[in-house]
Amino acid sequence: MLISLPMALVNLIESEGGKPIQVKVDALKKVLCHPDAANIPVAIYSIAGPYGTGKSFLLNCLLHLLHQQFISSEDAVNVTNQRLENVFSTGDGLNATTEGIYITKQPYVIKTENKEYPLVALFLMDTQGLFDFTHDTGSSGVIAGLSMLMSSIQFINFQNKIDGHSIQYICKFAESAIPSDWNKKKGYALFQRMFFLVRDWIEKQDYTVGVEGGKKYLDLVQTRQKSDEHQDLVEFLKSHFNDELECSLLPRPGDIIENYTDGKQVCLIKDVGQKLMTIVKNLFESYFLPNNILPRKLGNSIYSGEELYEFLIDFADSVNTGKASLAESYLQCGHNMQMREKILLPCLVHYWRQMSDTIKSLRGTEFEPYWKIITQSELNEFHLKFEASALKKYSEMEKPGNKSFQERWKKKLETFLQQLLKEMKDDIEARKTYVNIINGFAAKLNEGVSLKSNKKIDEIAKEAVKTTIDDIKAKIPERFHRRFLQQLLDDLKMIHTQVAKKNRRNRIILAAGVTGIVGAALTAAIMFIPPVLALAVAAEASTAGIISGWIAGAGAGGMFMGATVSTIAIAFEEQAAIEDEVDQDSLENKNMFITLSDGSTKISIPRE
């Protein structure tokens, strides 16, 4: 997705002189629930630090490199002569330029090769100059905390070195945002990754610019003067972030850039010091390239934009109403995350696996699949049994918060269990509906088997595919559309593969029931052949595909020729029509998880 520069930013903080700081909930929702971010994992890279350390300038450089990934090579010519857009406003270092928290209004949607998250919505975020002369430590604590709660990587800017003054600053930053008893030893660190950036670094032996020098320098900071506060702070931060601390040393940007103070001057990429630009590019390659994107993760779950928004609501509400202290607000976030990840998720998975395994093990007298034979009363009976098991598991687990808080989450669990029951019922009905649709699809194609005109056969095949796609979208619930469109595509590909086999017997048998193959990828599905062709099939797709039938004399040749033409037409010409309907990038992720929501909490569990 190409986003034009300069792009719009949104301020998430409202701060008027003398009034308590407020989180703009509507703005937060508008950003995180953007159509391109709401239902896919989000990555938020935030930068914070003392004012005047070049946070906004660095973000502008990274944004420029990011934008280059989305334009054609023809548009990227003369990159060095391109203007460095002042999207994140820069200043003279004497007055804090950024007031509040500014985040890109819409994300860059990055396509990855990671099956767990094939698409990621990436946002960049800039904070005000923390602990400047105009904001008290309470306001700065809110800004620092919101920044860390949102971000998958929290960059912290330091000027020249990590010294005693910088340590005092980062101590305030950490103390205001991290509950003292909340750490990853409990298995649910609230924060993900912290990355120190030391700006305007003067190279010294063994401490060269870049990540390697930064790692050595961070080791030095941790080990020198063991009695001082350096080591204690770094160990404190390590215990509250899921990932290891990182550090990079950045050189000066050059004289031209250092005089780039009011945002009105034209700054070209070539004006940026070559050494700094090299380090920035290395940083970009480590975290911005498609397969290196780091999505926001809490506990064991990767969060979508909507899920992250719901996670932040209690924090924002506490800040805006003043009904809880800052420390209590963070504690509430921690408790919510623990209940979601460590309590509810295992209980829901426990229920779903018991329910699925039991139901899918059912078989009729003729090896009929579970979804064909199970009754609604049997489903309800199984639900009551496994619901009780899940609630018992919940009652036995050690939970945070008071009794009222625990009861509230118990009600959420009960709501989600009912949704899982509905999911199972809807899934069964969708499978039955799909089989009926495919039987209609097969009947349409069989009308053309006796035709001698290949052109008419192809026309019938094309119309049958279109009708089938329309039927799937009209008769099956929307959340199953991608799965069954993909199923149709897989079935057609399988048909073509079978037609192309050299074994003439298989080809003739297939010809008789070429479009009756159903459900190769459906769990414990049955392959059906239209009754009009007098074929009988009963096989589990997971073990073997047995196609048997009766074909009479000379008719087989004509049927085979017609079916071959039809299936090839479908598999090659009409396959594109289905692929257009299937979101290939998010299909696998959609099929792997069931998403549950009660309006304030959203949670996804593995389907299998």
Foldseek 3Di string as FASTA:
>chain_A
DADDPPADKDFQWDDDPPDFIAGNLVLLCQQLCPVLFFPAFEAEEEEAEAFLQCPQVLVLLLVLVLNVVVDDPVVCPPQQQDWSASSPPFAQRPDWDAAHKMKGSFFDWFAAPDLQGRIYTYMYMYGTRAPDPRDDLQNSLLRLQVRQLPHQEYEYEAEQACDPVNLVVVVSSDVSRDQQPDFCVVQWQSGAAYEYEYEQYDDDVCQGFAFRSFVVRLVVQLPPPVVDCSVVSLVSVCGRHPDHYTYGYAHYQADVVSPCHGSPDTHGNNSGDPRRSVRSVVVCVCDPHRHNPRTDDTRHDRDTSNQSSLLCVQLSVCSRVVPDGSSVSSVVSRQVSCCFRVALQVLLQQLLVQLVVVQQVDADPLRAGSLVDDDPVNLVVSLVVSLVVSLVSNVPDDGDDDPVVSVVSSVVSVQVSVVSSVVVVLVSVLQVQLLVLLLVLQVQLVVQLQPPDLVVSLVSLLVSLVVSLVSSCVPHDPLCSQVSLVQVLVLLLVLLVQCPDPPVVSLLLCLLQSSQQGDLPPAQHWRGGHCVSVWDGGDGSVPDGDTDGDDDDPSSVSSSVSSNSSSVSCNPVVSVVSVVVHPVSCSSVSQQWDWDDPPSHIDIHGND
